[in-house]
Amino acid sequence: MDTGIDEKRVIEMMMKELAGGIDGGWCPIKDIKDPCIDVIAKFAVSEFNKQSNSSLKFQTVVSGNMQVVCGINYQL
């Protein structure tokens, strides 16, 4: 059913709001304690360990930035 709503545009607007309204710019993550941030960080540590044959262990995220582009980039 066509509601006339451009879903892609709505998602872009939501992502822009999460990033503080700055398209392409880096900004602090508003809620560093969001469980999704831990999932992203654990994945990053796991991938780093695979690629570098390391055995780093995830503990916690203490700070981070995000960038909205054609998705979301994170600096944790």
PDB file of N, CA and C in Angstrom:
ATOM      1  N   MET A   1       0.835  -1.173   0.000  1.00  0.00           N
ATOM      2  CA  MET A   1       0.000   0.000   0.000  1.00  0.00           C
ATOM      3  C   MET A   1       0.885   1.243   0.000  1.00  0.00           C
ATOM      4  N   ASP A   2       0.642   2.155  -0.911  1.00  0.00           N
ATOM      5  CA  ASP A   2       1.432   3.374  -1.015  1.00  0.00           C
ATOM      6  C   ASP A   2       0.814   4.454  -0.144  1.00  0.00           C
ATOM      7  N   THR A   3       1.567   4.865   0.880  1.00  0.00           N
ATOM      8  CA  THR A   3       1.070   5.901   1.798  1.00  0.00           C
ATOM      9  C   THR A   3       1.494   7.288   1.362  1.00  0.00           C
ATOM     10  N   GLY A   4       2.352   7.358   0.353  1.00  0.00           N
ATOM     11  CA  GLY A   4       2.852   8.647  -0.103  1.00  0.00           C
ATOM     12  C   GLY A   4       4.021   9.152   0.739  1.00  0.00           C
ATOM     13  N   ILE A   5       4.453   8.369   1.711  1.00  0.00           N
ATOM     14  CA  ILE A   5       5.559   8.764   2.573  1.00  0.00           C
ATOM     15  C   ILE A   5       6.852   8.219   1.972  1.00  0.00           C
ATOM     16  N   ASP A   6       7.821   9.081   1.826  1.00  0.00           N
ATOM     17  CA  ASP A   6       9.138   8.672   1.326  1.00  0.00           C
ATOM     18  C   ASP A   6       9.917   8.098   2.507  1.00  0.00           C
ATOM     19  N   GLU A   7       9.885   6.762   2.656  1.00  0.00           N
ATOM     20  CA  GLU A   7      10.496   6.112   3.810  1.00  0.00           C
ATOM     21  C   GLU A   7      11.990   6.384   3.892  1.00  0.00           C
ATOM     22  N   LYS A   8      12.661   6.404   2.742  1.00  0.00           N
ATOM     23  CA  LYS A   8      14.099   6.672   2.743  1.00  0.00           C
ATOM     24  C   LYS A   8      14.380   8.057   3.319  1.00  0.00           C
ATOM     25  N   ARG A   9      13.575   9.022   2.949  1.00  0.00           N
ATOM     26  CA  ARG A   9      13.757  10.396   3.448  1.00  0.00           C
ATOM     27  C   ARG A   9      13.493  10.458   4.951  1.00  0.00           C
ATOM     28  N   VAL A  10      12.503   9.722   5.434  1.00  0.00           N
ATOM     29  CA  VAL A  10      12.206   9.697   6.866  1.00  0.00           C
ATOM     30  C   VAL A  10      13.388   9.114   7.635  1.00  0.00           C
ATOM     31  N   ILE A  11      13.964   8.024   7.125  1.00  0.00           N
ATOM     32  CA  ILE A  11      15.123   7.406   7.776  1.00  0.00           C
ATOM     33  C   ILE A  11      16.298   8.374   7.776  1.00  0.00           C
ATOM     34  N   GLU A  12      16.530   9.049   6.662  1.00  0.00           N
ATOM     35  CA  GLU A  12      17.617  10.030   6.597  1.00  0.00           C
ATOM     36  C   GLU A  12      17.417  11.133   7.620  1.00  0.00           C
ATOM     37  N   MET A  13      16.188  11.602   7.766  1.00  0.00           N
ATOM     38  CA  MET A  13      15.896  12.657   8.735  1.00  0.00           C
ATOM     39  C   MET A  13      16.129  12.170  10.160  1.00  0.00           C
ATOM     40  N   MET A  14      15.743  10.920  10.451  1.00  0.00           N
ATOM     41  CA  MET A  14      15.947  10.365  11.785  1.00  0.00           C
ATOM     42  C   MET A  14      17.434  10.228  12.085  1.00  0.00           C
ATOM     43  N   MET A  15      18.212   9.750  11.114  1.00  0.00           N
ATOM     44  CA  MET A  15      19.645   9.593  11.315  1.00  0.00           C
ATOM     45  C   MET A  15      20.301  10.955  11.507  1.00  0.00           C
ATOM     46  N   LYS A  16      19.850  11.946  10.770  1.00  0.00           N
ATOM     47  CA  LYS A  16      20.385  13.294  10.906  1.00  0.00           C
ATOM     48  C   LYS A  16      20.092  13.847  12.296  1.00  0.00           C
ATOM     49  N   GLU A  17      18.902  13.582  12.805  1.00  0.00           N
ATOM     50  CA  GLU A  17      18.532  14.016  14.154  1.00  0.00           C
ATOM     51  C   GLU A  17      19.432  13.352  15.191  1.00  0.00           C
ATOM     52  N   LEU A  18      19.692  12.054  15.024  1.00  0.00           N
ATOM     53  CA  LEU A  18      20.574  11.341  15.952  1.00  0.00           C
ATOM     54  C   LEU A  18      21.971  11.949  15.960  1.00  0.00           C
ATOM     55  N   ALA A  19      22.405  12.433  14.815  1.00  0.00           N
ATOM     56  CA  ALA A  19      23.746  12.989  14.694  1.00  0.00           C
ATOM     57  C   ALA A  19      23.781  14.481  14.975  1.00  0.00           C
ATOM     58  N   GLY A  20      22.703  15.038  15.451  1.00  0.00           N
ATOM     59  CA  GLY A  20      22.695  16.451  15.785  1.00  0.00           C
ATOM     60  C   GLY A  20      22.447  17.354  14.600  1.00  0.00           C
ATOM     61  N   GLY A  21      21.937  16.797  13.495  1.00  0.00           N
ATOM     62  CA  GLY A  21      21.560  17.616  12.354  1.00  0.00           C
ATOM     63  C   GLY A  21      22.682  17.983  11.403  1.00  0.00           C
ATOM     64  N   ILE A  22      23.857  17.397  11.560  1.00  0.00           N
ATOM     65  CA  ILE A  22      24.981  17.759  10.719  1.00  0.00           C
ATOM     66  C   ILE A  22      25.230  16.649   9.707  1.00  0.00           C
ATOM     67  N   ASP A  23      24.882  16.903   8.453  1.00  0.00           N
ATOM     68  CA  ASP A  23      25.119  15.921   7.393  1.00  0.00           C
ATOM     69  C   ASP A  23      26.611  15.783   7.142  1.00  0.00           C
ATOM     70  N   GLY A  24      27.155  14.592   7.320  1.00  0.00           N
ATOM     71  CA  GLY A  24      28.549  14.335   7.016  1.00  0.00           C
ATOM     72  C   GLY A  24      29.535  14.736   8.091  1.00  0.00           C
ATOM     73  N   GLY A  25      29.081  15.481   9.089  1.00  0.00           N
ATOM     74  CA  GLY A  25      29.989  15.910  10.146  1.00  0.00           C
ATOM     75  C   GLY A  25      30.005  14.936  11.307  1.00  0.00           C
ATOM     76  N   TRP A  26      31.089  14.927  12.053  1.00  0.00           N
ATOM     77  CA  TRP A  26      31.200  14.092  13.239  1.00  0.00           C
ATOM     78  C   TRP A  26      30.607  14.839  14.425  1.00  0.00           C
ATOM     79  N   CYS A  27      29.880  14.111  15.272  1.00  0.00           N
ATOM     80  CA  CYS A  27      29.337  14.704  16.498  1.00  0.00           C
ATOM     81  C   CYS A  27      29.329  13.636  17.586  1.00  0.00           C
ATOM     82  N   PRO A  28      29.318  14.060  18.846  1.00  0.00           N
ATOM     83  CA  PRO A  28      29.321  13.089  19.943  1.00  0.00           C
ATOM     84  C   PRO A  28      28.072  12.210  19.918  1.00  0.00           C
ATOM     85  N   ILE A  29      28.226  10.954  20.313  1.00  0.00           N
ATOM     86  CA  ILE A  29      27.085  10.057  20.451  1.00  0.00           C
ATOM     87  C   ILE A  29      26.298  10.536  21.664  1.00  0.00           C
ATOM     88  N   LYS A  30      25.003  10.764  21.482  1.00  0.00           N
ATOM     89  CA  LYS A  30      24.175  11.328  22.555  1.00  0.00           C
ATOM     90  C   LYS A  30      24.047  10.403  23.752  1.00  0.00           C
ATOM     91  N   ASP A  31      23.891   9.101  23.521  1.00  0.00           N
ATOM     92  CA  ASP A  31      23.701   8.153  24.628  1.00  0.00           C
ATOM     93  C   ASP A  31      24.728   7.033  24.516  1.00  0.00           C
ATOM     94  N   ILE A  32      25.896   7.260  25.091  1.00  0.00           N
ATOM     95  CA  ILE A  32      26.990   6.292  25.008  1.00  0.00           C
ATOM     96  C   ILE A  32      26.646   4.989  25.729  1.00  0.00           C
ATOM     97  N   LYS A  33      25.641   4.999  26.610  1.00  0.00           N
ATOM     98  CA  LYS A  33      25.236   3.803  27.359  1.00  0.00           C
ATOM     99  C   LYS A  33      24.172   2.982  26.624  1.00  0.00           C
ATOM    100  N   ASP A  34      23.770   3.419  25.422  1.00  0.00           N
ATOM    101  CA  ASP A  34      22.797   2.665  24.618  1.00  0.00           C
ATOM    102  C   ASP A  34      23.374   1.276  24.347  1.00  0.00           C
ATOM    103  N   PRO A  35      22.609   0.208  24.621  1.00  0.00           N
ATOM    104  CA  PRO A  35      23.114  -1.161  24.394  1.00  0.00           C
ATOM    105  C   PRO A  35      23.572  -1.413  22.959  1.00  0.00           C
ATOM    106  N   CYS A  36      23.025  -0.707  21.997  1.00  0.00           N
ATOM    107  CA  CYS A  36      23.441  -0.872  20.597  1.00  0.00           C
ATOM    108  C   CYS A  36      24.901  -0.472  20.405  1.00  0.00           C
ATOM    109  N   ILE A  37      25.355   0.512  21.166  1.00  0.00           N
ATOM    110  CA  ILE A  37      26.743   0.956  21.057  1.00  0.00           C
ATOM    111  C   ILE A  37      27.688  -0.163  21.500  1.00  0.00           C
ATOM    112  N   ASP A  38      27.330  -0.873  22.573  1.00  0.00           N
ATOM    113  CA  ASP A  38      28.147  -2.010  23.012  1.00  0.00           C
ATOM    114  C   ASP A  38      28.195  -3.099  21.948  1.00  0.00           C
ATOM    115  N   VAL A  39      27.078  -3.360  21.296  1.00  0.00           N
ATOM    116  CA  VAL A  39      27.036  -4.380  20.236  1.00  0.00           C
ATOM    117  C   VAL A  39      27.983  -3.989  19.104  1.00  0.00           C
ATOM    118  N   ILE A  40      27.951  -2.728  18.709  1.00  0.00           N
ATOM    119  CA  ILE A  40      28.821  -2.240  17.632  1.00  0.00           C
ATOM    120  C   ILE A  40      30.285  -2.358  18.049  1.00  0.00           C
ATOM    121  N   ALA A  41      30.588  -1.974  19.285  1.00  0.00           N
ATOM    122  CA  ALA A  41      31.970  -2.024  19.778  1.00  0.00           C
ATOM    123  C   ALA A  41      32.478  -3.460  19.870  1.00  0.00           C
ATOM    124  N   LYS A  42      31.637  -4.365  20.367  1.00  0.00           N
ATOM    125  CA  LYS A  42      32.038  -5.772  20.463  1.00  0.00           C
ATOM    126  C   LYS A  42      32.318  -6.357  19.079  1.00  0.00           C
ATOM    127  N   PHE A  43      31.485  -5.994  18.112  1.00  0.00           N
ATOM    128  CA  PHE A  43      31.695  -6.443  16.744  1.00  0.00           C
ATOM    129  C   PHE A  43      33.029  -5.920  16.213  1.00  0.00           C
ATOM    130  N   ALA A  44      33.310  -4.631  16.466  1.00  0.00           N
ATOM    131  CA  ALA A  44      34.555  -4.031  15.979  1.00  0.00           C
ATOM    132  C   ALA A  44      35.779  -4.724  16.580  1.00  0.00           C
ATOM    133  N   VAL A  45      35.733  -5.011  17.877  1.00  0.00           N
ATOM    134  CA  VAL A  45      36.851  -5.697  18.531  1.00  0.00           C
ATOM    135  C   VAL A  45      37.017  -7.101  17.955  1.00  0.00           C
ATOM    136  N   SER A  46      35.909  -7.795  17.745  1.00  0.00           N
ATOM    137  CA  SER A  46      35.950  -9.141  17.179  1.00  0.00           C
ATOM    138  C   SER A  46      36.574  -9.136  15.787  1.00  0.00           C
ATOM    139  N   GLU A  47      36.156  -8.194  14.952  1.00  0.00           N
ATOM    140  CA  GLU A  47      36.695  -8.107  13.594  1.00  0.00           C
ATOM    141  C   GLU A  47      38.175  -7.734  13.615  1.00  0.00           C
ATOM    142  N   PHE A  48      38.552  -6.817  14.507  1.00  0.00           N
ATOM    143  CA  PHE A  48      39.958  -6.455  14.624  1.00  0.00           C
ATOM    144  C   PHE A  48      40.786  -7.674  15.006  1.00  0.00           C
ATOM    145  N   ASN A  49      40.297  -8.442  15.970  1.00  0.00           N
ATOM    146  CA  ASN A  49      41.018  -9.636  16.410  1.00  0.00           C
ATOM    147  C   ASN A  49      41.193 -10.642  15.273  1.00  0.00           C
ATOM    148  N   LYS A  50      40.147 -10.832  14.466  1.00  0.00           N
ATOM    149  CA  LYS A  50      40.231 -11.763  13.333  1.00  0.00           C
ATOM    150  C   LYS A  50      41.277 -11.310  12.316  1.00  0.00           C
ATOM    151  N   GLN A  51      41.251 -10.009  11.998  1.00  0.00           N
ATOM    152  CA  GLN A  51      42.116  -9.494  10.946  1.00  0.00           C
ATOM    153  C   GLN A  51      43.572  -9.356  11.378  1.00  0.00           C
ATOM    154  N   SER A  52      43.794  -9.156  12.671  1.00  0.00           N
ATOM    155  CA  SER A  52      45.166  -8.927  13.126  1.00  0.00           C
ATOM    156  C   SER A  52      45.714 -10.071  13.975  1.00  0.00           C
ATOM    157  N   ASN A  53      44.925 -11.142  14.070  1.00  0.00           N
ATOM    158  CA  ASN A  53      45.322 -12.292  14.877  1.00  0.00           C
ATOM    159  C   ASN A  53      45.671 -11.860  16.304  1.00  0.00           C
ATOM    160  N   SER A  54      44.828 -10.992  16.858  1.00  0.00           N
ATOM    161  CA  SER A  54      45.019 -10.480  18.214  1.00  0.00           C
ATOM    162  C   SER A  54      44.003 -11.109  19.150  1.00  0.00           C
ATOM    163  N   SER A  55      44.108 -10.766  20.409  1.00  0.00           N
ATOM    164  CA  SER A  55      43.147 -11.288  21.380  1.00  0.00           C
ATOM    165  C   SER A  55      42.700 -10.190  22.347  1.00  0.00           C
ATOM    166  N   LEU A  56      42.367  -9.029  21.775  1.00  0.00           N
ATOM    167  CA  LEU A  56      41.851  -7.946  22.604  1.00  0.00           C
ATOM    168  C   LEU A  56      40.517  -8.362  23.208  1.00  0.00           C
ATOM    169  N   LYS A  57      40.217  -7.842  24.386  1.00  0.00           N
ATOM    170  CA  LYS A  57      38.947  -8.127  25.059  1.00  0.00           C
ATOM    171  C   LYS A  57      38.182  -6.821  25.236  1.00  0.00           C
ATOM    172  N   PHE A  58      36.916  -6.822  24.855  1.00  0.00           N
ATOM    173  CA  PHE A  58      36.075  -5.639  25.023  1.00  0.00           C
ATOM    174  C   PHE A  58      35.746  -5.453  26.504  1.00  0.00           C
ATOM    175  N   GLN A  59      35.853  -4.202  26.974  1.00  0.00           N
ATOM    176  CA  GLN A  59      35.453  -3.896  28.350  1.00  0.00           C
ATOM    177  C   GLN A  59      34.270  -2.944  28.358  1.00  0.00           C
ATOM    178  N   THR A  60      34.470  -1.724  27.881  1.00  0.00           N
ATOM    179  CA  THR A  60      33.392  -0.741  27.867  1.00  0.00           C
ATOM    180  C   THR A  60      33.712   0.363  26.873  1.00  0.00           C
ATOM    181  N   VAL A  61      32.690   1.078  26.460  1.00  0.00           N
ATOM    182  CA  VAL A  61      32.865   2.250  25.608  1.00  0.00           C
ATOM    183  C   VAL A  61      32.865   3.464  26.534  1.00  0.00           C
ATOM    184  N   VAL A  62      33.889   4.284  26.444  1.00  0.00           N
ATOM    185  CA  VAL A  62      33.972   5.453  27.319  1.00  0.00           C
ATOM    186  C   VAL A  62      33.607   6.750  26.606  1.00  0.00           C
ATOM    187  N   SER A  63      33.730   6.764  25.280  1.00  0.00           N
ATOM    188  CA  SER A  63      33.330   7.940  24.515  1.00  0.00           C
ATOM    189  C   SER A  63      33.172   7.532  23.059  1.00  0.00           C
ATOM    190  N   GLY A  64      32.531   8.381  22.295  1.00  0.00           N
ATOM    191  CA  GLY A  64      32.362   8.069  20.889  1.00  0.00           C
ATOM    192  C   GLY A  64      31.737   9.190  20.094  1.00  0.00           C
ATOM    193  N   ASN A  65      31.987   9.149  18.797  1.00  0.00           N
ATOM    194  CA  ASN A  65      31.401  10.091  17.851  1.00  0.00           C
ATOM    195  C   ASN A  65      30.724   9.302  16.749  1.00  0.00           C
ATOM    196  N   MET A  66      29.792   9.960  16.076  1.00  0.00           N
ATOM    197  CA  MET A  66      29.134   9.325  14.939  1.00  0.00           C
ATOM    198  C   MET A  66      29.077  10.299  13.778  1.00  0.00           C
ATOM    199  N   GLN A  67      29.022   9.736  12.580  1.00  0.00           N
ATOM    200  CA  GLN A  67      28.964  10.509  11.352  1.00  0.00           C
ATOM    201  C   GLN A  67      27.889   9.895  10.473  1.00  0.00           C
ATOM    202  N   VAL A  68      26.927  10.716  10.063  1.00  0.00           N
ATOM    203  CA  VAL A  68      25.874  10.240   9.176  1.00  0.00           C
ATOM    204  C   VAL A  68      26.269  10.556   7.747  1.00  0.00           C
ATOM    205  N   VAL A  69      26.438   9.497   6.951  1.00  0.00           N
ATOM    206  CA  VAL A  69      26.714   9.619   5.518  1.00  0.00           C
ATOM    207  C   VAL A  69      25.712   8.724   4.817  1.00  0.00           C
ATOM    208  N   CYS A  70      26.137   7.759   4.044  1.00  0.00           N
ATOM    209  CA  CYS A  70      25.214   6.802   3.432  1.00  0.00           C
ATOM    210  C   CYS A  70      24.918   5.669   4.405  1.00  0.00           C
ATOM    211  N   GLY A  71      25.072   5.915   5.635  1.00  0.00           N
ATOM    212  CA  GLY A  71      24.905   4.996   6.755  1.00  0.00           C
ATOM    213  C   GLY A  71      25.416   5.753   7.956  1.00  0.00           C
ATOM    214  N   ILE A  72      25.927   5.056   8.924  1.00  0.00           N
ATOM    215  CA  ILE A  72      26.489   5.735  10.088  1.00  0.00           C
ATOM    216  C   ILE A  72      27.876   5.165  10.364  1.00  0.00           C
ATOM    217  N   ASN A  73      28.850   6.048  10.496  1.00  0.00           N
ATOM    218  CA  ASN A  73      30.208   5.676  10.895  1.00  0.00           C
ATOM    219  C   ASN A  73      30.349   5.989  12.372  1.00  0.00           C
ATOM    220  N   TYR A  74      31.140   5.180  13.063  1.00  0.00           N
ATOM    221  CA  TYR A  74      31.350   5.378  14.495  1.00  0.00           C
ATOM    222  C   TYR A  74      32.831   5.460  14.800  1.00  0.00           C
ATOM    223  N   GLN A  75      33.191   6.324  15.744  1.00  0.00           N
ATOM    224  CA  GLN A  75      34.519   6.369  16.343  1.00  0.00           C
ATOM    225  C   GLN A  75      34.289   6.075  17.816  1.00  0.00           C
ATOM    226  N   LEU A  76      34.792   4.933  18.289  1.00  0.00           N
ATOM    227  CA  LEU A  76      34.562   4.532  19.681  1.00  0.00           C
ATOM    228  C   LEU A  76      35.887   4.391  20.399  1.00  0.00           C
TER     229      LEU A  76
END
